[in-house]
C-alpha atoms as a PDB file:
ATOM      1  CA  UNK A   1       6.644  19.058 -12.099  1.00  0.00           C
ATOM      2  CA  UNK A   2       3.750  16.523 -11.857  1.00  0.00           C
ATOM      3  CA  UNK A   3       3.165  16.509 -15.467  1.00  0.00           C
ATOM      4  CA  UNK A   4       6.764  16.490 -16.373  1.00  0.00           C
ATOM      5  CA  UNK A   5       7.040  13.290 -14.059  1.00  0.00           C
ATOM      6  CA  UNK A   6       4.094  11.976 -15.704  1.00  0.00           C
ATOM      7  CA  UNK A   7       5.108  12.635 -19.049  1.00  0.00           C
ATOM      8  CA  UNK A   8       8.736  11.223 -18.285  1.00  0.00           C
ATOM      9  CA  UNK A   9       6.943   7.903 -17.096  1.00  0.00           C
ATOM     10  CA  UNK A  10       5.099   7.714 -20.348  1.00  0.00           C
ATOM     11  CA  UNK A  11       8.261   8.365 -22.038  1.00  0.00           C
ATOM     12  CA  UNK A  12       9.758   5.464 -20.226  1.00  0.00           C
ATOM     13  CA  UNK A  13       6.784   3.049 -20.709  1.00  0.00           C
ATOM     14  CA  UNK A  14       6.674   3.786 -24.483  1.00  0.00           C
ATOM     15  CA  UNK A  15      10.665   3.238 -24.297  1.00  0.00           C
ATOM     16  CA  UNK A  16      10.320  -0.217 -23.074  1.00  0.00           C
ATOM     17  CA  UNK A  17       7.498  -1.386 -25.377  1.00  0.00           C
ATOM     18  CA  UNK A  18      10.219  -3.687 -27.696  1.00  0.00           C
ATOM     19  CA  UNK A  19      11.398  -5.677 -24.367  1.00  0.00           C
ATOM     20  CA  UNK A  20       9.601  -9.041 -25.003  1.00  0.00           C
ATOM     21  CA  UNK A  21       8.717  -9.761 -21.131  1.00  0.00           C
ATOM     22  CA  UNK A  22       7.682 -13.338 -20.105  1.00  0.00           C
ATOM     23  CA  UNK A  23       8.227 -15.205 -23.500  1.00  0.00           C
ATOM     24  CA  UNK A  24       5.479 -18.011 -22.815  1.00  0.00           C
ATOM     25  CA  UNK A  25       3.006 -15.784 -21.799  1.00  0.00           C
ATOM     26  CA  UNK A  26       3.241 -13.590 -24.963  1.00  0.00           C
ATOM     27  CA  UNK A  27       3.014 -16.827 -27.311  1.00  0.00           C
ATOM     28  CA  UNK A  28       0.150 -17.964 -25.442  1.00  0.00           C
ATOM     29  CA  UNK A  29      -1.509 -14.576 -25.989  1.00  0.00           C
ATOM     30  CA  UNK A  30      -0.483 -14.901 -29.778  1.00  0.00           C
ATOM     31  CA  UNK A  31      -1.665 -18.573 -30.322  1.00  0.00           C
ATOM     32  CA  UNK A  32      -4.848 -17.436 -27.875  1.00  0.00           C
ATOM     33  CA  UNK A  33      -5.312 -14.255 -30.047  1.00  0.00           C
ATOM     34  CA  UNK A  34      -4.997 -16.174 -33.513  1.00  0.00           C
ATOM     35  CA  UNK A  35      -7.836 -18.702 -32.371  1.00  0.00           C
ATOM     36  CA  UNK A  36     -10.404 -16.160 -31.215  1.00  0.00           C
ATOM     37  CA  UNK A  37      -9.816 -14.255 -34.422  1.00  0.00           C
ATOM     38  CA  UNK A  38     -10.510 -17.415 -36.540  1.00  0.00           C
ATOM     39  CA  UNK A  39     -12.838 -19.254 -34.755  1.00  0.00           C
ATOM     40  CA  UNK A  40     -14.749 -17.316 -31.919  1.00  0.00           C
ATOM     41  CA  UNK A  41     -14.475 -17.105 -28.488  1.00  0.00           C
ATOM     42  CA  UNK A  42     -16.455 -19.910 -27.715  1.00  0.00           C
ATOM     43  CA  UNK A  43     -13.661 -22.378 -29.754  1.00  0.00           C
ATOM     44  CA  UNK A  44     -11.366 -20.637 -27.749  1.00  0.00           C
ATOM     45  CA  UNK A  45     -12.542 -21.409 -24.347  1.00  0.00           C
ATOM     46  CA  UNK A  46     -13.728 -25.111 -25.338  1.00  0.00           C
ATOM     47  CA  UNK A  47     -10.852 -26.432 -27.524  1.00  0.00           C
ATOM     48  CA  UNK A  48      -7.256 -24.273 -26.164  1.00  0.00           C
ATOM     49  CA  UNK A  49      -6.165 -24.265 -22.597  1.00  0.00           C
ATOM     50  CA  UNK A  50      -7.339 -20.696 -22.345  1.00  0.00           C
ATOM     51  CA  UNK A  51      -7.648 -19.878 -18.551  1.00  0.00           C
ATOM     52  CA  UNK A  52      -7.541 -16.165 -18.656  1.00  0.00           C
ATOM     53  CA  UNK A  53     -11.167 -14.271 -17.846  1.00  0.00           C
ATOM     54  CA  UNK A  54     -13.693 -13.662 -20.551  1.00  0.00           C
ATOM     55  CA  UNK A  55     -12.873 -10.001 -20.959  1.00  0.00           C
ATOM     56  CA  UNK A  56      -9.170 -10.660 -21.919  1.00  0.00           C
ATOM     57  CA  UNK A  57     -10.370 -12.905 -25.033  1.00  0.00           C
ATOM     58  CA  UNK A  58     -11.862  -9.879 -26.356  1.00  0.00           C
ATOM     59  CA  UNK A  59      -9.031  -7.795 -25.861  1.00  0.00           C
ATOM     60  CA  UNK A  60      -6.861 -10.617 -27.864  1.00  0.00           C
ATOM     61  CA  UNK A  61      -9.485 -10.806 -30.530  1.00  0.00           C
ATOM     62  CA  UNK A  62      -9.161  -6.815 -30.811  1.00  0.00           C
ATOM     63  CA  UNK A  63      -5.393  -7.026 -30.868  1.00  0.00           C
ATOM     64  CA  UNK A  64      -5.374  -9.678 -33.762  1.00  0.00           C
ATOM     65  CA  UNK A  65      -8.186  -7.992 -35.891  1.00  0.00           C
ATOM     66  CA  UNK A  66      -5.754  -4.975 -35.567  1.00  0.00           C
ATOM     67  CA  UNK A  67      -2.685  -6.648 -36.348  1.00  0.00           C
ATOM     68  CA  UNK A  68      -4.418  -8.259 -39.324  1.00  0.00           C
ATOM     69  CA  UNK A  69      -4.981  -4.827 -40.825  1.00  0.00           C
ATOM     70  CA  UNK A  70      -1.559  -3.893 -41.030  1.00  0.00           C
ATOM     71  CA  UNK A  71       0.594  -7.444 -41.084  1.00  0.00           C
ATOM     72  CA  UNK A  72      -0.033 -10.992 -41.625  1.00  0.00           C
ATOM     73  CA  UNK A  73      -0.337 -12.828 -38.877  1.00  0.00           C
ATOM     74  CA  UNK A  74       0.094 -16.250 -40.822  1.00  0.00           C
ATOM     75  CA  UNK A  75       3.822 -15.431 -41.234  1.00  0.00           C
ATOM     76  CA  UNK A  76       5.469 -17.682 -38.785  1.00  0.00           C
ATOM     77  CA  UNK A  77       8.759 -15.946 -38.996  1.00  0.00           C
ATOM     78  CA  UNK A  78       7.429 -12.598 -38.359  1.00  0.00           C
ATOM     79  CA  UNK A  79       4.188 -13.051 -36.162  1.00  0.00           C
ATOM     80  CA  UNK A  80       6.023 -15.501 -33.685  1.00  0.00           C
ATOM     81  CA  UNK A  81       9.280 -13.909 -33.423  1.00  0.00           C
ATOM     82  CA  UNK A  82      10.075 -12.619 -29.819  1.00  0.00           C
ATOM     83  CA  UNK A  83      11.098  -9.169 -30.850  1.00  0.00           C
ATOM     84  CA  UNK A  84       7.694  -8.456 -33.100  1.00  0.00           C
ATOM     85  CA  UNK A  85       7.802  -4.965 -31.598  1.00  0.00           C
ATOM     86  CA  UNK A  86       4.527  -4.436 -33.622  1.00  0.00           C
ATOM     87  CA  UNK A  87       2.296  -7.048 -31.676  1.00  0.00           C
ATOM     88  CA  UNK A  88       4.399  -5.686 -28.513  1.00  0.00           C
ATOM     89  CA  UNK A  89       3.144  -2.368 -29.134  1.00  0.00           C
ATOM     90  CA  UNK A  90      -0.515  -3.361 -29.509  1.00  0.00           C
ATOM     91  CA  UNK A  91      -0.747  -5.858 -26.478  1.00  0.00           C
ATOM     92  CA  UNK A  92       1.314  -3.133 -24.332  1.00  0.00           C
ATOM     93  CA  UNK A  93      -0.394   0.097 -25.221  1.00  0.00           C
ATOM     94  CA  UNK A  94      -3.661  -0.774 -23.486  1.00  0.00           C
ATOM     95  CA  UNK A  95      -1.976  -1.231 -20.551  1.00  0.00           C
ATOM     96  CA  UNK A  96      -0.104   2.177 -20.808  1.00  0.00           C
ATOM     97  CA  UNK A  97      -3.606   3.774 -21.519  1.00  0.00           C
ATOM     98  CA  UNK A  98      -5.187   1.855 -18.489  1.00  0.00           C
ATOM     99  CA  UNK A  99      -2.331   3.359 -16.258  1.00  0.00           C
ATOM    100  CA  UNK A 100      -3.011   7.161 -17.805  1.00  0.00           C
ATOM    101  CA  UNK A 101      -6.587   6.854 -16.908  1.00  0.00           C
ATOM    102  CA  UNK A 102      -5.991   5.633 -13.293  1.00  0.00           C
ATOM    103  CA  UNK A 103      -3.735   8.689 -12.629  1.00  0.00           C
ATOM    104  CA  UNK A 104      -6.276  10.535 -14.454  1.00  0.00           C
ATOM    105  CA  UNK A 105      -8.805   9.383 -11.929  1.00  0.00           C
ATOM    106  CA  UNK A 106      -6.916   9.899  -9.068  1.00  0.00           C
ATOM    107  CA  UNK A 107      -6.225  13.150  -9.869  1.00  0.00           C
ATOM    108  CA  UNK A 108      -9.933  13.999 -10.433  1.00  0.00           C
ATOM    109  CA  UNK A 109     -10.519  12.274  -6.702  1.00  0.00           C
ATOM    110  CA  UNK A 110      -8.010  14.294  -5.179  1.00  0.00           C
ATOM    111  CA  UNK A 111      -9.373  17.386  -6.413  1.00  0.00           C
ATOM    112  CA  UNK A 112     -12.677  16.453  -5.213  1.00  0.00           C
ATOM    113  CA  UNK A 113     -11.120  15.479  -1.931  1.00  0.00           C
ATOM    114  CA  UNK A 114      -9.221  18.496  -1.609  1.00  0.00           C
ATOM    115  CA  UNK A 115     -12.202  20.776  -2.911  1.00  0.00           C
ATOM    116  CA  UNK A 116     -14.331  18.797  -0.046  1.00  0.00           C
ATOM    117  CA  UNK A 117     -11.827  19.933   2.718  1.00  0.00           C
ATOM    118  CA  UNK A 118     -11.263  23.614   1.932  1.00  0.00           C
ATOM    119  CA  UNK A 119      -7.468  23.214   1.402  1.00  0.00           C
ATOM    120  CA  UNK A 120      -5.698  25.845  -1.044  1.00  0.00           C
ATOM    121  CA  UNK A 121      -4.315  24.374  -4.020  1.00  0.00           C
ATOM    122  CA  UNK A 122      -0.799  24.101  -4.573  1.00  0.00           C
ATOM    123  CA  UNK A 123       0.002  24.024  -0.827  1.00  0.00           C
ATOM    124  CA  UNK A 124       2.518  21.411   0.475  1.00  0.00           C
ATOM    125  CA  UNK A 125       0.035  20.275   2.821  1.00  0.00           C
ATOM    126  CA  UNK A 126      -2.689  19.466  -0.196  1.00  0.00           C
ATOM    127  CA  UNK A 127      -0.796  16.272  -1.472  1.00  0.00           C
ATOM    128  CA  UNK A 128      -0.277  14.800   2.015  1.00  0.00           C
ATOM    129  CA  UNK A 129      -3.909  15.107   2.950  1.00  0.00           C
ATOM    130  CA  UNK A 130      -5.036  13.299  -0.380  1.00  0.00           C
ATOM    131  CA  UNK A 131      -2.387  10.678   0.303  1.00  0.00           C
ATOM    132  CA  UNK A 132      -3.894  10.279   3.889  1.00  0.00           C
ATOM    133  CA  UNK A 133      -7.614   9.932   2.836  1.00  0.00           C
ATOM    134  CA  UNK A 134      -6.856   7.603   0.150  1.00  0.00           C
ATOM    135  CA  UNK A 135      -4.804   5.465   2.673  1.00  0.00           C
ATOM    136  CA  UNK A 136      -7.688   6.345   5.448  1.00  0.00           C
ATOM    137  CA  UNK A 137      -9.914   5.009   3.032  1.00  0.00           C
ATOM    138  CA  UNK A 138      -7.840   1.574   2.244  1.00  0.00           C
ATOM    139  CA  UNK A 139      -7.724   2.697  -1.751  1.00  0.00           C
ATOM    140  CA  UNK A 140      -3.776   2.550  -1.699  1.00  0.00           C
ATOM    141  CA  UNK A 141      -2.782  -0.536  -0.187  1.00  0.00           C
ATOM    142  CA  UNK A 142      -0.655  -3.133  -1.856  1.00  0.00           C
ATOM    143  CA  UNK A 143      -3.046  -5.793  -2.353  1.00  0.00           C
ATOM    144  CA  UNK A 144      -3.333  -6.928  -5.845  1.00  0.00           C
ATOM    145  CA  UNK A 145      -5.636  -9.601  -5.814  1.00  0.00           C
ATOM    146  CA  UNK A 146      -8.672  -9.155  -8.615  1.00  0.00           C
ATOM    147  CA  UNK A 147     -11.452  -9.449  -5.877  1.00  0.00           C
ATOM    148  CA  UNK A 148      -9.240  -6.693  -3.909  1.00  0.00           C
ATOM    149  CA  UNK A 149      -9.181  -4.621  -6.776  1.00  0.00           C
ATOM    150  CA  UNK A 150     -12.770  -4.646  -7.800  1.00  0.00           C
ATOM    151  CA  UNK A 151     -13.801  -3.874  -4.271  1.00  0.00           C
ATOM    152  CA  UNK A 152     -11.390  -0.898  -4.217  1.00  0.00           C
ATOM    153  CA  UNK A 153     -12.665   0.266  -7.576  1.00  0.00           C
ATOM    154  CA  UNK A 154     -16.337   0.029  -6.230  1.00  0.00           C
ATOM    155  CA  UNK A 155     -15.324   2.006  -3.331  1.00  0.00           C
ATOM    156  CA  UNK A 156     -13.512   4.165  -5.091  1.00  0.00           C
ATOM    157  CA  UNK A 157     -16.471   4.985  -7.711  1.00  0.00           C
ATOM    158  CA  UNK A 158     -18.662   5.101  -4.550  1.00  0.00           C
ATOM    159  CA  UNK A 159     -16.672   7.842  -2.913  1.00  0.00           C
ATOM    160  CA  UNK A 160     -16.336   9.742  -6.086  1.00  0.00           C
ATOM    161  CA  UNK A 161     -20.178   9.289  -6.668  1.00  0.00           C
ATOM    162  CA  UNK A 162     -20.971  10.716  -3.195  1.00  0.00           C
ATOM    163  CA  UNK A 163     -18.950  13.668  -3.902  1.00  0.00           C
ATOM    164  CA  UNK A 164     -19.412  14.618  -7.421  1.00  0.00           C
ATOM    165  CA  UNK A 165     -23.157  13.259  -7.600  1.00  0.00           C
ATOM    166  CA  UNK A 166     -23.078  13.756 -11.616  1.00  0.00           C
ATOM    167  CA  UNK A 167     -21.077  10.408 -12.437  1.00  0.00           C
ATOM    168  CA  UNK A 168     -22.890   7.348 -12.415  1.00  0.00           C
ATOM    169  CA  UNK A 169     -20.657   4.388 -13.599  1.00  0.00           C
ATOM    170  CA  UNK A 170     -22.536   1.724 -11.897  1.00  0.00           C
ATOM    171  CA  UNK A 171     -23.399  -0.300 -15.254  1.00  0.00           C
ATOM    172  CA  UNK A 172     -19.812   0.032 -16.829  1.00  0.00           C
ATOM    173  CA  UNK A 173     -18.029  -1.225 -13.273  1.00  0.00           C
ATOM    174  CA  UNK A 174     -20.858  -4.029 -13.119  1.00  0.00           C
ATOM    175  CA  UNK A 175     -19.809  -5.583 -16.655  1.00  0.00           C
ATOM    176  CA  UNK A 176     -15.958  -4.887 -16.186  1.00  0.00           C
ATOM    177  CA  UNK A 177     -16.369  -6.815 -12.850  1.00  0.00           C
ATOM    178  CA  UNK A 178     -18.260  -9.563 -14.285  1.00  0.00           C
ATOM    179  CA  UNK A 179     -15.622  -9.921 -17.268  1.00  0.00           C
ATOM    180  CA  UNK A 180     -12.788  -9.646 -15.330  1.00  0.00           C
ATOM    181  CA  UNK A 181     -13.261 -11.808 -12.301  1.00  0.00           C
END
């Protein structure tokens, strides 16, 4: 049942790709993406109104390079159209993939917690136990500020590392925190 719901959620997210979202944000991303792809990240930061973390500029660069492989970003009528589904696909598929990775990580951590508590798999208590453990450690709160997310990610990583000992993500998380804060 869980995998069916996960698949259903993925289908819903994929079906919403053509919905443009907040048009001003998408227009800024398109403009910044062209600027970083043509002139580089330093030019983007120094000569535009770019106000996002540096890591996002690399994502925009990548999206525009992939876009240029299949379509012409200088075709003004197509590139700047609100319903440019190919651009919307490229920008949204990254967040969809990240959401799937978060679900995978939560499942792995849930299994580690369940194995540590010696509960039988599949019991109705198992899900409640994982939920209680995540709440107890304050991983499942609604605080979405970047610093709170980074703190939770670091705490989650620490818990996972302590439980499994074989995962060492220190360097990766440190770099992501630097780029996204």
